[in-house]
Amino acid sequence: MLKDNQMVVTNANGDESVCEILFTHEHNGKNYVVFEFLDSHEVSAAIYTPGANDDEGTFSDIETDLEWEMLDQVLQEYFDQLEDEADEDEEDEEDEEEVLESN
């Protein structure tokens, strides 16, 4: 069963892979989805076009270097944000330990 942040990607050979959606991004009227293949941990992206209902849409390849560069920058910002959040969590845990030790 898929989680809310997961999707199945079917390649040209008909092979299916479960992917975790890392984030979506809108730029110049296009919707992009950045995702990670759970089996290989490879990160990729595609242009998403919504379908008639909210459950299904279509993906198309990113074709320009400018789009890839933009998404690389957004992905780096995403990873930087995750790292900052992890650092903040560590600091919070250290503060909690100090309070416990002082009691």
N, C-alpha and C. Protein backbone atom coordinates (compact mmCIF):
# COMPACT_ATOMS: atom_id res chain seq x y z
N MET A 1 0.84 -1.18 0.00
CA MET A 1 0.00 0.00 0.00
C MET A 1 0.88 1.24 0.00
N LEU A 2 0.54 2.19 -0.84
CA LEU A 2 1.32 3.42 -0.95
C LEU A 2 0.94 4.42 0.13
N LYS A 3 1.93 5.14 0.59
CA LYS A 3 1.69 6.24 1.52
C LYS A 3 1.27 7.46 0.70
N ASP A 4 0.79 8.49 1.38
CA ASP A 4 0.33 9.70 0.69
C ASP A 4 1.42 10.37 -0.13
N ASN A 5 2.66 10.27 0.30
CA ASN A 5 3.75 10.94 -0.39
C ASN A 5 4.50 10.00 -1.34
N GLN A 6 3.84 8.94 -1.75
CA GLN A 6 4.48 7.98 -2.67
C GLN A 6 3.68 7.87 -3.96
N MET A 7 4.36 7.40 -4.98
CA MET A 7 3.73 7.17 -6.28
C MET A 7 4.44 6.02 -6.96
N VAL A 8 3.81 5.47 -7.97
CA VAL A 8 4.40 4.40 -8.77
C VAL A 8 4.76 5.00 -10.13
N VAL A 9 6.02 4.79 -10.52
CA VAL A 9 6.49 5.25 -11.83
C VAL A 9 6.70 4.02 -12.69
N THR A 10 6.14 4.05 -13.89
CA THR A 10 6.29 2.95 -14.83
C THR A 10 7.21 3.41 -15.95
N ASN A 11 8.29 2.67 -16.18
CA ASN A 11 9.23 3.06 -17.23
C ASN A 11 8.78 2.54 -18.60
N ALA A 12 9.57 2.80 -19.62
CA ALA A 12 9.22 2.42 -20.99
C ALA A 12 9.10 0.91 -21.16
N ASN A 13 9.78 0.14 -20.31
CA ASN A 13 9.72 -1.33 -20.39
C ASN A 13 8.53 -1.91 -19.62
N GLY A 14 7.76 -1.04 -18.95
CA GLY A 14 6.63 -1.51 -18.16
C GLY A 14 6.98 -1.87 -16.74
N ASP A 15 8.25 -1.66 -16.35
CA ASP A 15 8.67 -1.94 -14.97
C ASP A 15 8.17 -0.82 -14.05
N GLU A 16 7.64 -1.22 -12.91
CA GLU A 16 7.13 -0.26 -11.95
C GLU A 16 8.09 -0.09 -10.78
N SER A 17 8.23 1.14 -10.33
CA SER A 17 9.06 1.46 -9.17
C SER A 17 8.28 2.38 -8.25
N VAL A 18 8.39 2.11 -6.95
CA VAL A 18 7.77 2.99 -5.96
C VAL A 18 8.74 4.13 -5.67
N CYS A 19 8.20 5.33 -5.66
CA CYS A 19 9.01 6.52 -5.41
C CYS A 19 8.39 7.34 -4.29
N GLU A 20 9.25 8.00 -3.55
CA GLU A 20 8.79 8.94 -2.54
C GLU A 20 8.89 10.34 -3.12
N ILE A 21 7.80 11.08 -3.05
CA ILE A 21 7.80 12.45 -3.53
C ILE A 21 8.50 13.31 -2.49
N LEU A 22 9.60 13.94 -2.90
CA LEU A 22 10.34 14.81 -1.98
C LEU A 22 9.66 16.16 -1.87
N PHE A 23 9.31 16.74 -3.01
CA PHE A 23 8.59 18.00 -3.02
C PHE A 23 8.09 18.29 -4.43
N THR A 24 7.19 19.25 -4.50
CA THR A 24 6.72 19.75 -5.80
C THR A 24 7.14 21.21 -5.90
N HIS A 25 7.24 21.68 -7.12
CA HIS A 25 7.71 23.05 -7.35
C HIS A 25 7.03 23.58 -8.60
N GLU A 26 6.54 24.80 -8.52
CA GLU A 26 5.93 25.45 -9.68
C GLU A 26 6.87 26.54 -10.16
N HIS A 27 7.08 26.57 -11.47
CA HIS A 27 7.96 27.58 -12.06
C HIS A 27 7.50 27.86 -13.49
N ASN A 28 7.29 29.11 -13.79
CA ASN A 28 6.88 29.55 -15.14
C ASN A 28 5.67 28.77 -15.65
N GLY A 29 4.70 28.54 -14.77
CA GLY A 29 3.47 27.88 -15.18
C GLY A 29 3.55 26.38 -15.30
N LYS A 30 4.71 25.80 -14.99
CA LYS A 30 4.85 24.34 -15.04
C LYS A 30 4.95 23.80 -13.62
N ASN A 31 4.39 22.61 -13.43
CA ASN A 31 4.47 21.92 -12.14
C ASN A 31 5.51 20.82 -12.24
N TYR A 32 6.46 20.86 -11.33
CA TYR A 32 7.52 19.86 -11.29
C TYR A 32 7.34 19.00 -10.05
N VAL A 33 7.68 17.75 -10.17
CA VAL A 33 7.70 16.87 -9.00
C VAL A 33 9.10 16.27 -8.92
N VAL A 34 9.69 16.35 -7.73
CA VAL A 34 11.03 15.78 -7.50
C VAL A 34 10.82 14.59 -6.58
N PHE A 35 11.37 13.45 -6.97
CA PHE A 35 11.09 12.21 -6.27
C PHE A 35 12.34 11.34 -6.18
N GLU A 36 12.28 10.40 -5.22
CA GLU A 36 13.39 9.48 -5.00
C GLU A 36 12.89 8.05 -5.17
N PHE A 37 13.59 7.27 -6.00
CA PHE A 37 13.27 5.86 -6.15
C PHE A 37 13.67 5.14 -4.87
N LEU A 38 12.72 4.43 -4.26
CA LEU A 38 13.00 3.79 -2.97
C LEU A 38 14.00 2.65 -3.09
N ASP A 39 14.05 1.97 -4.23
CA ASP A 39 14.96 0.83 -4.36
C ASP A 39 16.41 1.26 -4.61
N SER A 40 16.62 2.34 -5.35
CA SER A 40 17.98 2.75 -5.70
C SER A 40 18.42 4.05 -5.03
N HIS A 41 17.48 4.77 -4.43
CA HIS A 41 17.72 6.08 -3.80
C HIS A 41 18.15 7.14 -4.82
N GLU A 42 17.93 6.86 -6.09
CA GLU A 42 18.20 7.83 -7.15
C GLU A 42 17.12 8.92 -7.09
N VAL A 43 17.55 10.17 -7.22
CA VAL A 43 16.61 11.30 -7.22
C VAL A 43 16.42 11.74 -8.66
N SER A 44 15.16 11.99 -9.02
CA SER A 44 14.84 12.43 -10.37
C SER A 44 13.71 13.44 -10.30
N ALA A 45 13.33 13.95 -11.44
CA ALA A 45 12.25 14.94 -11.51
C ALA A 45 11.55 14.82 -12.85
N ALA A 46 10.35 15.34 -12.88
CA ALA A 46 9.56 15.34 -14.10
C ALA A 46 8.58 16.50 -14.06
N ILE A 47 8.06 16.83 -15.21
CA ILE A 47 6.99 17.82 -15.30
C ILE A 47 5.68 17.08 -15.09
N TYR A 48 4.85 17.59 -14.20
CA TYR A 48 3.58 16.95 -13.90
C TYR A 48 2.44 17.75 -14.50
N THR A 49 1.57 17.06 -15.23
CA THR A 49 0.36 17.67 -15.78
C THR A 49 -0.83 16.96 -15.15
N PRO A 50 -1.64 17.70 -14.37
CA PRO A 50 -2.78 17.07 -13.70
C PRO A 50 -3.76 16.47 -14.70
N GLY A 51 -4.40 15.38 -14.28
CA GLY A 51 -5.40 14.75 -15.10
C GLY A 51 -6.78 15.29 -14.78
N ALA A 52 -7.81 14.62 -15.28
CA ALA A 52 -9.19 15.04 -15.07
C ALA A 52 -9.58 14.97 -13.61
N ASN A 53 -9.07 13.96 -12.90
CA ASN A 53 -9.31 13.90 -11.45
C ASN A 53 -7.98 14.11 -10.75
N ASP A 54 -8.04 14.33 -9.46
CA ASP A 54 -6.82 14.67 -8.71
C ASP A 54 -5.89 13.50 -8.48
N ASP A 55 -6.36 12.28 -8.68
CA ASP A 55 -5.55 11.10 -8.36
C ASP A 55 -4.52 10.78 -9.42
N GLU A 56 -4.78 11.11 -10.66
CA GLU A 56 -3.86 10.71 -11.72
C GLU A 56 -3.55 11.89 -12.64
N GLY A 57 -2.35 11.89 -13.09
CA GLY A 57 -1.90 12.88 -14.06
C GLY A 57 -0.84 12.24 -14.92
N THR A 58 -0.18 13.05 -15.72
CA THR A 58 0.87 12.52 -16.57
C THR A 58 2.18 13.24 -16.28
N PHE A 59 3.25 12.52 -16.53
CA PHE A 59 4.59 13.07 -16.38
C PHE A 59 5.22 13.20 -17.75
N SER A 60 6.00 14.25 -17.91
CA SER A 60 6.78 14.37 -19.13
C SER A 60 8.21 14.72 -18.75
N ASP A 61 9.11 14.38 -19.64
CA ASP A 61 10.53 14.60 -19.38
C ASP A 61 10.88 16.08 -19.33
N ILE A 62 11.85 16.39 -18.51
CA ILE A 62 12.42 17.73 -18.48
C ILE A 62 13.43 17.78 -19.62
N GLU A 63 13.26 18.75 -20.50
CA GLU A 63 14.01 18.73 -21.75
C GLU A 63 15.10 19.78 -21.86
N THR A 64 15.10 20.79 -21.01
CA THR A 64 16.08 21.85 -21.18
C THR A 64 17.08 21.87 -20.03
N ASP A 65 18.29 22.29 -20.34
CA ASP A 65 19.32 22.44 -19.31
C ASP A 65 18.92 23.50 -18.29
N LEU A 66 18.22 24.54 -18.74
CA LEU A 66 17.79 25.59 -17.82
C LEU A 66 16.84 25.04 -16.76
N GLU A 67 15.92 24.16 -17.16
CA GLU A 67 15.02 23.55 -16.19
C GLU A 67 15.79 22.68 -15.21
N TRP A 68 16.74 21.88 -15.71
CA TRP A 68 17.52 21.03 -14.81
C TRP A 68 18.34 21.86 -13.84
N GLU A 69 18.92 22.96 -14.32
CA GLU A 69 19.71 23.82 -13.44
C GLU A 69 18.84 24.44 -12.36
N MET A 70 17.64 24.88 -12.74
CA MET A 70 16.71 25.45 -11.77
C MET A 70 16.34 24.41 -10.72
N LEU A 71 16.03 23.18 -11.17
CA LEU A 71 15.66 22.13 -10.23
C LEU A 71 16.83 21.69 -9.36
N ASP A 72 18.04 21.69 -9.91
CA ASP A 72 19.22 21.37 -9.11
C ASP A 72 19.37 22.38 -7.96
N GLN A 73 19.13 23.65 -8.28
CA GLN A 73 19.23 24.69 -7.25
C GLN A 73 18.14 24.51 -6.19
N VAL A 74 16.92 24.24 -6.63
CA VAL A 74 15.82 24.02 -5.68
C VAL A 74 16.09 22.78 -4.83
N LEU A 75 16.62 21.73 -5.44
CA LEU A 75 16.94 20.51 -4.70
C LEU A 75 18.03 20.77 -3.66
N GLN A 76 19.03 21.55 -4.02
CA GLN A 76 20.09 21.89 -3.06
C GLN A 76 19.52 22.67 -1.89
N GLU A 77 18.61 23.61 -2.18
CA GLU A 77 17.97 24.37 -1.11
C GLU A 77 17.15 23.45 -0.20
N TYR A 78 16.50 22.45 -0.80
CA TYR A 78 15.72 21.47 -0.04
C TYR A 78 16.64 20.69 0.91
N PHE A 79 17.77 20.19 0.39
CA PHE A 79 18.70 19.44 1.23
C PHE A 79 19.32 20.33 2.31
N ASP A 80 19.62 21.59 1.97
CA ASP A 80 20.15 22.52 2.97
C ASP A 80 19.15 22.73 4.10
N GLN A 81 17.86 22.85 3.75
CA GLN A 81 16.82 23.04 4.74
C GLN A 81 16.71 21.81 5.64
N LEU A 82 16.78 20.61 5.04
CA LEU A 82 16.75 19.39 5.85
C LEU A 82 17.92 19.34 6.82
N GLU A 83 19.10 19.74 6.35
CA GLU A 83 20.29 19.74 7.19
C GLU A 83 20.13 20.74 8.34
N ASP A 84 19.60 21.93 8.02
CA ASP A 84 19.38 22.94 9.07
C ASP A 84 18.40 22.43 10.12
N GLU A 85 17.33 21.76 9.68
CA GLU A 85 16.34 21.21 10.61
C GLU A 85 16.97 20.13 11.49
N ALA A 86 17.83 19.31 10.91
CA ALA A 86 18.51 18.27 11.69
C ALA A 86 19.43 18.90 12.72
N ASP A 87 20.14 19.96 12.33
CA ASP A 87 21.01 20.66 13.26
C ASP A 87 20.21 21.26 14.41
N GLU A 88 19.05 21.85 14.10
CA GLU A 88 18.20 22.43 15.14
C GLU A 88 17.70 21.35 16.09
N ASP A 89 17.34 20.19 15.54
CA ASP A 89 16.87 19.09 16.38
C ASP A 89 17.98 18.63 17.33
N GLU A 90 19.22 18.56 16.83
CA GLU A 90 20.35 18.18 17.68
C GLU A 90 20.55 19.19 18.80
N GLU A 91 20.46 20.48 18.46
CA GLU A 91 20.63 21.53 19.47
C GLU A 91 19.54 21.43 20.52
N ASP A 92 18.30 21.17 20.10
CA ASP A 92 17.19 21.02 21.04
C ASP A 92 17.44 19.84 21.98
N GLU A 93 17.92 18.73 21.44
CA GLU A 93 18.20 17.55 22.26
C GLU A 93 19.30 17.83 23.26
N GLU A 94 20.35 18.56 22.82
CA GLU A 94 21.44 18.92 23.72
C GLU A 94 20.94 19.82 24.84
N ASP A 95 20.06 20.78 24.50
CA ASP A 95 19.50 21.66 25.52
C ASP A 95 18.69 20.87 26.53
N GLU A 96 17.91 19.91 26.06
CA GLU A 96 17.11 19.07 26.95
C GLU A 96 18.00 18.26 27.87
N GLU A 97 19.10 17.74 27.34
CA GLU A 97 20.04 16.94 28.15
C GLU A 97 20.68 17.82 29.24
N GLU A 98 21.03 19.05 28.88
CA GLU A 98 21.63 19.96 29.86
C GLU A 98 20.65 20.27 30.98
N VAL A 99 19.39 20.47 30.64
CA VAL A 99 18.38 20.75 31.67
C VAL A 99 18.23 19.54 32.58
N LEU A 100 18.19 18.34 32.03
CA LEU A 100 18.05 17.12 32.82
C LEU A 100 19.25 16.92 33.74
N GLU A 101 20.45 17.19 33.20
CA GLU A 101 21.66 17.01 34.00
C GLU A 101 21.75 18.02 35.14
N SER A 102 21.21 19.21 34.96
CA SER A 102 21.30 20.22 36.00
C SER A 102 20.30 19.99 37.13
N ASN A 103 19.34 19.11 36.89
CA ASN A 103 18.34 18.81 37.94
C ASN A 103 18.85 17.77 38.83
